[in-house]
Protein backbone atom coordinates (compact mmCIF):
# COMPACT_ATOMS: atom_id res chain seq x y z
CA MET A 1 -9.12 -65.27 98.99
CA THR A 2 -9.11 -67.75 101.81
CA SER A 3 -12.47 -69.55 102.76
CA LYS A 4 -12.54 -67.51 106.09
CA GLY A 5 -12.30 -64.28 103.92
CA LYS A 6 -15.02 -65.55 101.43
CA THR A 7 -17.34 -66.23 104.46
CA ARG A 8 -16.70 -62.81 105.95
CA ARG A 9 -17.21 -61.28 102.51
CA MET A 10 -20.61 -63.08 102.12
CA MET A 11 -21.69 -62.20 105.55
CA SER A 12 -20.96 -58.50 104.91
CA VAL A 13 -22.70 -58.48 101.56
CA GLY A 14 -25.73 -60.25 103.25
CA LEU A 15 -26.11 -57.83 106.03
CA ILE A 16 -25.67 -54.77 104.08
CA GLY A 17 -28.02 -55.83 101.61
CA ALA A 18 -30.57 -56.42 104.49
CA ALA A 19 -29.95 -52.95 105.74
CA LEU A 20 -30.22 -51.35 102.35
CA ALA A 21 -33.53 -52.96 101.85
CA LEU A 22 -34.82 -50.94 104.68
CA THR A 23 -34.30 -48.01 102.53
CA LEU A 24 -36.97 -49.16 100.15
CA ALA A 25 -39.63 -49.68 102.73
CA ALA A 26 -42.12 -46.92 103.98
CA PRO A 27 -41.72 -46.22 107.62
CA ALA A 28 -43.57 -48.75 109.65
CA ARG A 29 -46.12 -47.85 112.39
CA ALA A 30 -45.26 -48.46 116.12
CA GLY A 31 -41.96 -50.05 115.17
CA GLU A 32 -43.56 -53.03 113.40
CA THR A 33 -41.33 -54.61 110.56
CA PRO A 34 -41.45 -52.60 107.27
CA THR A 35 -43.00 -54.22 104.28
CA ALA A 36 -40.04 -54.88 102.45
CA ALA A 37 -37.28 -57.54 102.25
CA ALA A 38 -35.74 -56.54 105.57
CA GLY A 39 -36.54 -54.90 108.94
CA TRP A 40 -36.45 -55.09 112.63
CA GLN A 41 -38.29 -58.10 113.91
CA LEU A 42 -39.35 -57.74 117.68
CA THR A 43 -38.49 -60.89 119.88
CA PRO A 44 -40.62 -62.00 122.83
CA THR A 45 -38.91 -60.73 125.96
CA GLY A 46 -41.88 -61.26 128.46
CA THR A 47 -41.12 -58.10 130.20
CA ASP A 48 -41.93 -54.33 130.01
CA ALA A 49 -38.64 -53.15 131.37
CA ARG A 50 -36.59 -50.51 129.26
CA PHE A 51 -33.27 -51.94 127.94
CA ARG A 52 -30.72 -49.14 127.48
CA GLY A 53 -27.93 -51.71 127.68
CA LEU A 54 -27.45 -54.25 124.89
CA ASP A 55 -24.52 -56.43 123.93
CA ALA A 56 -24.87 -58.96 121.11
CA VAL A 57 -22.12 -61.65 120.97
CA ASP A 58 -23.09 -63.30 117.93
CA ARG A 59 -26.18 -64.26 115.70
CA SER A 60 -27.30 -66.62 118.61
CA THR A 61 -26.40 -64.88 121.69
CA ALA A 62 -27.27 -61.51 123.11
CA TRP A 63 -27.56 -59.73 126.58
CA ALA A 64 -30.00 -56.99 127.45
CA ALA A 65 -29.76 -54.90 130.55
CA GLY A 66 -32.48 -52.39 131.86
CA SER A 67 -34.77 -50.96 134.42
CA ARG A 68 -35.73 -52.59 137.56
CA GLY A 69 -32.44 -54.67 137.80
CA THR A 70 -33.50 -56.58 134.75
CA VAL A 71 -31.08 -58.67 132.88
CA LEU A 72 -32.06 -60.92 129.86
CA ARG A 73 -30.05 -63.45 127.78
CA THR A 74 -30.79 -65.31 124.59
CA THR A 75 -28.90 -68.18 123.11
CA ASP A 76 -31.30 -69.05 120.33
CA GLY A 77 -31.05 -65.91 118.21
CA GLY A 78 -33.81 -64.07 120.31
CA ARG A 79 -36.60 -66.87 119.82
CA SER A 80 -36.64 -66.97 123.54
CA TRP A 81 -35.18 -64.98 126.42
CA ARG A 82 -34.28 -66.12 129.90
CA ASN A 83 -34.50 -63.71 132.79
CA VAL A 84 -30.99 -63.89 134.54
CA SER A 85 -31.48 -60.78 136.68
CA PRO A 86 -29.20 -60.58 139.79
CA ALA A 87 -31.10 -61.49 142.93
CA GLY A 88 -32.14 -58.42 144.98
CA ALA A 89 -31.32 -56.02 142.11
CA GLY A 90 -34.93 -54.64 141.71
CA ASP A 91 -34.01 -51.11 142.73
CA LEU A 92 -31.01 -50.85 140.43
CA GLU A 93 -31.03 -49.24 136.96
CA PHE A 94 -28.74 -51.16 134.61
CA ARG A 95 -27.73 -49.22 131.68
CA ASP A 96 -24.84 -50.99 130.10
CA VAL A 97 -23.78 -54.49 129.75
CA GLU A 98 -20.60 -56.06 128.28
CA ALA A 99 -20.63 -59.65 127.28
CA PHE A 100 -17.69 -61.84 126.55
CA ASP A 101 -19.86 -65.15 125.44
CA ALA A 102 -22.97 -66.86 126.61
CA ARG A 103 -21.71 -67.32 130.05
CA ARG A 104 -19.58 -64.44 130.97
CA ALA A 105 -20.98 -60.80 131.17
CA VAL A 106 -20.56 -57.55 133.23
CA VAL A 107 -23.42 -55.06 133.90
CA LEU A 108 -23.28 -51.50 135.11
CA ALA A 109 -25.88 -49.89 137.35
CA ILE A 110 -26.20 -46.22 137.35
CA GLY A 111 -27.01 -43.52 139.83
CA GLU A 112 -25.58 -41.40 142.61
CA GLY A 113 -23.41 -42.75 145.31
CA GLU A 114 -23.96 -46.49 146.11
CA ALA A 115 -26.49 -46.94 143.15
CA SER A 116 -23.70 -47.10 140.82
CA ARG A 117 -22.40 -50.62 140.91
CA VAL A 118 -20.81 -53.29 138.77
CA LEU A 119 -21.78 -56.92 138.74
CA ARG A 120 -20.29 -60.00 136.80
CA THR A 121 -21.46 -63.46 136.08
CA GLU A 122 -19.59 -66.52 134.91
CA ASP A 123 -22.39 -68.91 134.65
CA GLY A 124 -24.89 -67.46 132.32
CA GLY A 125 -26.61 -65.21 134.92
CA ALA A 126 -27.31 -68.11 137.26
CA THR A 127 -25.19 -66.23 140.01
CA TRP A 128 -23.84 -62.75 140.05
CA THR A 129 -20.87 -61.26 142.03
CA GLU A 130 -20.72 -57.62 142.82
CA SER A 131 -17.23 -56.44 141.91
CA PHE A 132 -17.67 -52.57 142.50
CA ARG A 133 -19.87 -50.32 144.37
CA ASN A 134 -19.45 -46.68 144.42
CA THR A 135 -19.05 -45.01 147.74
CA ASP A 136 -18.43 -41.46 146.66
CA PRO A 137 -21.64 -39.42 146.76
CA ARG A 138 -20.26 -37.14 144.15
CA ALA A 139 -19.82 -39.88 141.55
CA PHE A 140 -22.37 -41.02 139.08
CA TYR A 141 -21.27 -43.91 136.69
CA ASP A 142 -22.75 -43.80 133.18
CA CYS A 143 -21.19 -46.30 130.83
CA MET A 144 -18.47 -48.76 130.38
CA THR A 145 -16.46 -50.46 127.70
CA PHE A 146 -13.97 -53.44 127.35
CA PHE A 147 -10.88 -53.49 125.06
CA ASP A 148 -10.55 -57.30 125.26
CA ARG A 149 -11.69 -60.01 127.83
CA ARG A 150 -9.49 -58.63 130.54
CA HIS A 151 -9.20 -54.79 130.11
CA GLY A 152 -12.14 -52.41 130.65
CA LEU A 153 -13.12 -49.05 131.64
CA ALA A 154 -16.12 -47.22 133.17
CA MET A 155 -16.72 -43.77 133.42
CA SER A 156 -18.43 -41.32 135.97
CA ASP A 157 -19.70 -37.81 135.66
CA PRO A 158 -17.09 -35.23 136.68
CA VAL A 159 -15.88 -35.37 140.22
CA ASP A 160 -13.85 -32.32 141.46
CA GLY A 161 -14.15 -30.97 137.94
CA LYS A 162 -12.89 -33.96 135.94
CA TYR A 163 -14.40 -37.23 134.68
CA ARG A 164 -13.46 -40.19 136.84
CA ILE A 165 -12.23 -43.37 135.13
CA LEU A 166 -12.57 -46.77 136.63
CA ALA A 167 -10.35 -49.62 135.37
CA THR A 168 -10.08 -53.30 135.41
CA ARG A 169 -7.36 -55.74 134.22
CA ASP A 170 -9.04 -59.06 135.24
CA GLY A 171 -12.43 -58.97 133.16
CA GLY A 172 -14.31 -56.94 135.62
CA ARG A 173 -13.53 -59.03 138.80
CA SER A 174 -11.94 -55.95 140.37
CA TRP A 175 -11.77 -52.36 139.65
CA GLN A 176 -9.58 -49.34 140.41
CA VAL A 177 -9.99 -45.57 140.16
CA LEU A 178 -7.53 -44.23 137.58
CA PRO A 179 -5.40 -41.07 138.45
CA SER A 180 -6.94 -37.93 137.19
CA ALA A 181 -3.85 -36.06 136.30
CA GLY A 182 -4.19 -36.90 132.52
CA MET A 183 -7.98 -35.84 132.29
CA PRO A 184 -8.72 -32.44 130.93
CA ASP A 185 -11.14 -30.27 133.03
CA ALA A 186 -14.73 -30.76 132.38
CA LEU A 187 -16.83 -27.82 131.25
CA PRO A 188 -19.40 -26.29 133.86
CA GLY A 189 -22.45 -28.46 133.78
CA GLU A 190 -20.83 -31.00 131.38
CA ALA A 191 -21.80 -34.72 132.00
CA GLY A 192 -22.15 -38.02 130.26
CA PHE A 193 -25.60 -39.52 129.19
CA ALA A 194 -26.38 -43.01 130.42
CA ALA A 195 -28.86 -43.39 127.59
CA SER A 196 -27.53 -46.28 125.48
CA GLY A 197 -24.45 -47.73 126.95
CA GLN A 198 -22.43 -45.87 124.24
CA CYS A 199 -21.13 -42.87 125.94
CA LEU A 200 -17.81 -44.64 126.49
CA VAL A 201 -16.55 -46.92 123.68
CA SER A 202 -13.35 -48.50 122.49
CA SER A 203 -11.67 -49.73 119.33
CA GLY A 204 -8.62 -51.88 119.29
CA PRO A 205 -6.37 -52.71 122.42
CA ARG A 206 -5.92 -49.17 123.82
CA ASP A 207 -8.18 -46.46 122.31
CA ALA A 208 -11.26 -45.29 123.99
CA TRP A 209 -13.67 -42.40 123.57
CA LEU A 210 -15.92 -40.48 125.80
CA ALA A 211 -18.88 -38.55 124.77
CA THR A 212 -20.21 -35.46 126.73
CA GLY A 213 -23.19 -33.02 126.68
CA GLY A 214 -24.87 -30.64 129.08
CA GLY A 215 -22.12 -27.91 128.82
CA ALA A 216 -21.50 -25.07 126.53
CA ALA A 217 -20.22 -27.65 123.88
CA ALA A 218 -20.75 -31.24 123.12
CA ARG A 219 -17.36 -32.82 123.29
CA VAL A 220 -15.60 -36.15 122.59
CA LEU A 221 -12.63 -36.95 124.72
CA HIS A 222 -10.22 -39.65 123.36
CA SER A 223 -7.57 -41.81 125.14
CA ALA A 224 -4.95 -43.68 123.32
CA ASP A 225 -3.52 -45.39 126.52
CA ARG A 226 -6.49 -47.27 128.06
CA GLY A 227 -7.62 -44.30 129.94
CA LEU A 228 -4.50 -42.70 131.51
CA THR A 229 -4.34 -39.46 129.40
CA TRP A 230 -7.22 -37.66 127.44
CA THR A 231 -7.69 -35.01 124.86
CA ALA A 232 -10.97 -33.19 124.26
CA THR A 233 -12.63 -31.96 121.09
CA THR A 234 -15.65 -30.16 120.43
CA THR A 235 -18.12 -31.63 118.06
CA PRO A 236 -20.74 -29.73 115.94
CA ILE A 237 -23.60 -31.48 117.75
CA PRO A 238 -25.52 -28.76 119.76
CA ALA A 239 -25.08 -28.33 123.52
CA GLY A 240 -25.54 -25.60 125.94
CA ASP A 241 -28.51 -27.23 127.92
CA PRO A 242 -28.51 -30.21 130.22
CA ALA A 243 -30.74 -32.23 127.58
CA ARG A 244 -28.22 -31.76 124.62
CA GLY A 245 -25.14 -33.32 123.59
CA VAL A 246 -23.47 -36.38 122.30
CA PHE A 247 -25.28 -39.57 123.40
CA GLY A 248 -23.68 -42.42 121.40
CA LEU A 249 -20.43 -43.14 119.68
CA ALA A 250 -19.35 -45.88 117.25
CA PHE A 251 -15.82 -46.53 115.87
CA ARG A 252 -15.20 -49.16 113.23
CA ASP A 253 -11.41 -48.74 113.78
CA ARG A 254 -9.26 -46.29 115.72
CA ALA A 255 -9.68 -43.45 113.06
CA HIS A 256 -13.16 -43.69 111.75
CA GLY A 257 -16.13 -42.83 114.12
CA ILE A 258 -19.56 -41.66 114.18
CA ALA A 259 -21.31 -39.61 116.99
CA VAL A 260 -24.99 -39.10 117.48
CA GLY A 261 -27.16 -37.18 119.88
CA GLY A 262 -29.23 -33.99 119.96
CA ASP A 263 -31.92 -33.01 122.52
CA TYR A 264 -33.63 -35.91 124.21
CA ARG A 265 -36.87 -33.88 125.05
CA LYS A 266 -39.74 -34.79 122.92
CA ASP A 267 -40.82 -31.38 122.12
CA GLN A 268 -37.39 -30.00 121.33
CA PRO A 269 -35.69 -30.16 117.66
CA SER A 270 -32.35 -31.67 117.12
CA PRO A 271 -31.05 -29.95 114.09
CA GLN A 272 -27.76 -31.43 113.92
CA ALA A 273 -27.85 -34.85 115.63
CA GLY A 274 -24.91 -36.48 113.76
CA ALA A 275 -21.14 -35.95 113.19
CA VAL A 276 -18.13 -37.98 111.71
CA THR A 277 -14.43 -38.09 112.25
CA ASP A 278 -11.76 -39.80 110.39
CA ASP A 279 -8.72 -39.03 112.50
CA ALA A 280 -9.57 -40.71 115.74
CA GLY A 281 -11.62 -37.75 117.02
CA ARG A 282 -9.19 -34.94 116.77
CA THR A 283 -11.82 -33.26 114.59
CA TRP A 284 -15.50 -33.72 113.84
CA ARG A 285 -17.49 -32.77 110.75
CA PRO A 286 -21.26 -32.19 110.93
CA ALA A 287 -23.36 -34.72 108.94
CA ALA A 288 -24.56 -33.18 105.50
CA THR A 289 -27.94 -34.71 106.01
CA PRO A 290 -28.11 -35.74 109.71
CA PRO A 291 -30.50 -38.01 111.33
CA PRO A 292 -33.89 -35.92 111.64
CA ALA A 293 -34.30 -36.24 115.41
CA TYR A 294 -32.57 -37.15 118.68
CA ARG A 295 -30.65 -40.28 118.43
CA SER A 296 -29.05 -42.22 121.31
CA GLY A 297 -27.42 -45.27 119.79
CA VAL A 298 -25.36 -46.02 116.69
CA ALA A 299 -23.48 -49.11 115.33
CA TRP A 300 -21.48 -49.86 112.22
CA LEU A 301 -22.49 -52.91 109.99
CA PRO A 302 -19.93 -55.52 110.32
CA HIS A 303 -16.97 -55.46 107.73
CA SER A 304 -18.58 -52.32 106.11
CA LYS A 305 -16.57 -49.07 105.80
CA ALA A 306 -19.71 -47.00 104.97
CA ALA A 307 -22.91 -48.38 106.48
CA ALA A 308 -24.16 -47.78 109.79
CA LEU A 309 -27.51 -47.66 111.88
CA ALA A 310 -28.60 -45.07 114.36
CA VAL A 311 -31.59 -45.34 116.66
CA GLY A 312 -33.61 -43.23 119.01
CA PRO A 313 -37.31 -43.03 120.42
CA THR A 314 -38.59 -41.90 116.97
CA GLY A 315 -37.02 -44.23 114.66
CA THR A 316 -33.96 -45.90 113.11
CA ASP A 317 -31.71 -44.25 110.37
CA LEU A 318 -29.36 -45.70 107.83
CA THR A 319 -26.16 -44.33 106.38
CA THR A 320 -24.42 -45.84 103.50
CA ASP A 321 -21.69 -43.22 103.36
CA GLY A 322 -19.98 -43.29 106.61
CA GLY A 323 -22.17 -40.99 108.52
CA ARG A 324 -22.26 -38.14 105.99
CA THR A 325 -25.93 -38.62 104.97
CA TRP A 326 -28.79 -40.54 106.92
CA ARG A 327 -32.21 -41.71 105.91
CA THR A 328 -35.00 -42.88 108.31
CA VAL A 329 -35.98 -46.40 107.57
CA ASP A 330 -38.21 -47.30 110.58
CA THR A 331 -40.30 -45.45 113.10
CA GLY A 332 -40.08 -47.78 115.93
CA SER A 333 -38.64 -46.72 119.48
CA TYR A 334 -35.20 -47.96 120.27
CA ASP A 335 -32.54 -46.75 122.63
CA THR A 336 -29.52 -48.70 121.45
CA VAL A 337 -28.25 -50.96 118.74
CA ASP A 338 -25.35 -53.37 118.25
CA CYS A 339 -24.07 -55.39 115.41
CA THR A 340 -21.99 -58.58 115.55
CA ALA A 341 -18.94 -59.83 113.56
CA ASP A 342 -20.71 -62.82 112.22
CA GLY A 343 -23.44 -60.79 110.67
CA SER A 344 -26.34 -59.77 112.77
CA CYS A 345 -27.77 -56.46 114.18
CA TRP A 346 -29.94 -55.99 117.22
CA ALA A 347 -31.82 -53.12 118.87
CA SER A 348 -33.31 -52.73 122.32
CA GLY A 349 -35.49 -49.93 124.08
CA GLU A 350 -38.62 -49.15 126.06
CA LYS A 351 -41.41 -51.62 127.04
CA GLY A 352 -39.38 -54.64 126.88
CA ARG A 353 -38.47 -54.18 123.13
CA VAL A 354 -35.65 -56.24 121.68
CA ALA A 355 -35.44 -56.71 117.84
CA ARG A 356 -33.20 -58.45 115.28
CA LEU A 357 -32.60 -57.09 111.73
CA VAL A 358 -34.05 -59.90 109.60
CA THR A 359 -34.56 -60.62 105.96
CA LYS A 360 -37.40 -62.75 104.42
CA ASP A 361 -35.17 -65.46 103.15
CA LYS A 362 -33.10 -65.66 106.43
CA ASP A 363 -33.88 -66.31 110.04
């Protein structure tokens, strides 16, 4: 094994060990770190904005995007956060951020008509350039994803009965609406959920998946050609109501994926909040022991074929068998979660909450 391979192996073992240590802890109150060898450690953001957009670049660098046009960036592992919000963006609701490094990032604002926008920075948030503003009052953009530093997609709720896909080939500097001929018809009442920045995700250079809800069935749409053509598959996650469906997706490669969701209303149960696929989303199987409540975000632990974290307003769940069974390991409120290739996991949510997964002998 090469030294690089050994390093990755050590990072993987260390991070999985940290996540597994969570299973030994009793759920903590109000999201405080469980009394075990590992847990979520809240970081001081200095704001009460709700962060549904999160992109962790590495152990040191992460970006968070949220309500009231707020964008934060850390370059010291969350010890401090810098407010790098775009000037004049206080009325915008940022729900997704895709970061390339500590200086370059793209954020998506959601809403009807011109409320849906894309902004880009190349200087760590010191200045921002608006690269797309939606002028169609029927469109409402929810999520975006990047295959690499140049190619990315954003998705809107259905327009004229089909999901609208926006594409960039220059790192988000410019965007074009893709033809809709390869998009299957949306179900009546079907839409995406701008809850965690994970209703549109990608893996590898060409594959993307789109999560839906609100219609008669909760579906996942898959494209193998960067958004030109799509196929739709029904998942076992309940739908049939505007508040139900698939809210978050994560793929560790182009075949193996996890879907989470449920019913986001606090007084409604979510009896089947998780599903898995091993064939790129052509078929989905229900989790044998799903998360016990609505979950909006999910992430694979890096370099693991079996471990993943799911988060929602009522807690964090861990799977160690690829999404077939889940166990609640923390009761704090988070909307989204992200893990990095160099061995760190981050989560964010309401009231300015951004946390890192830490162990007692690290960080």
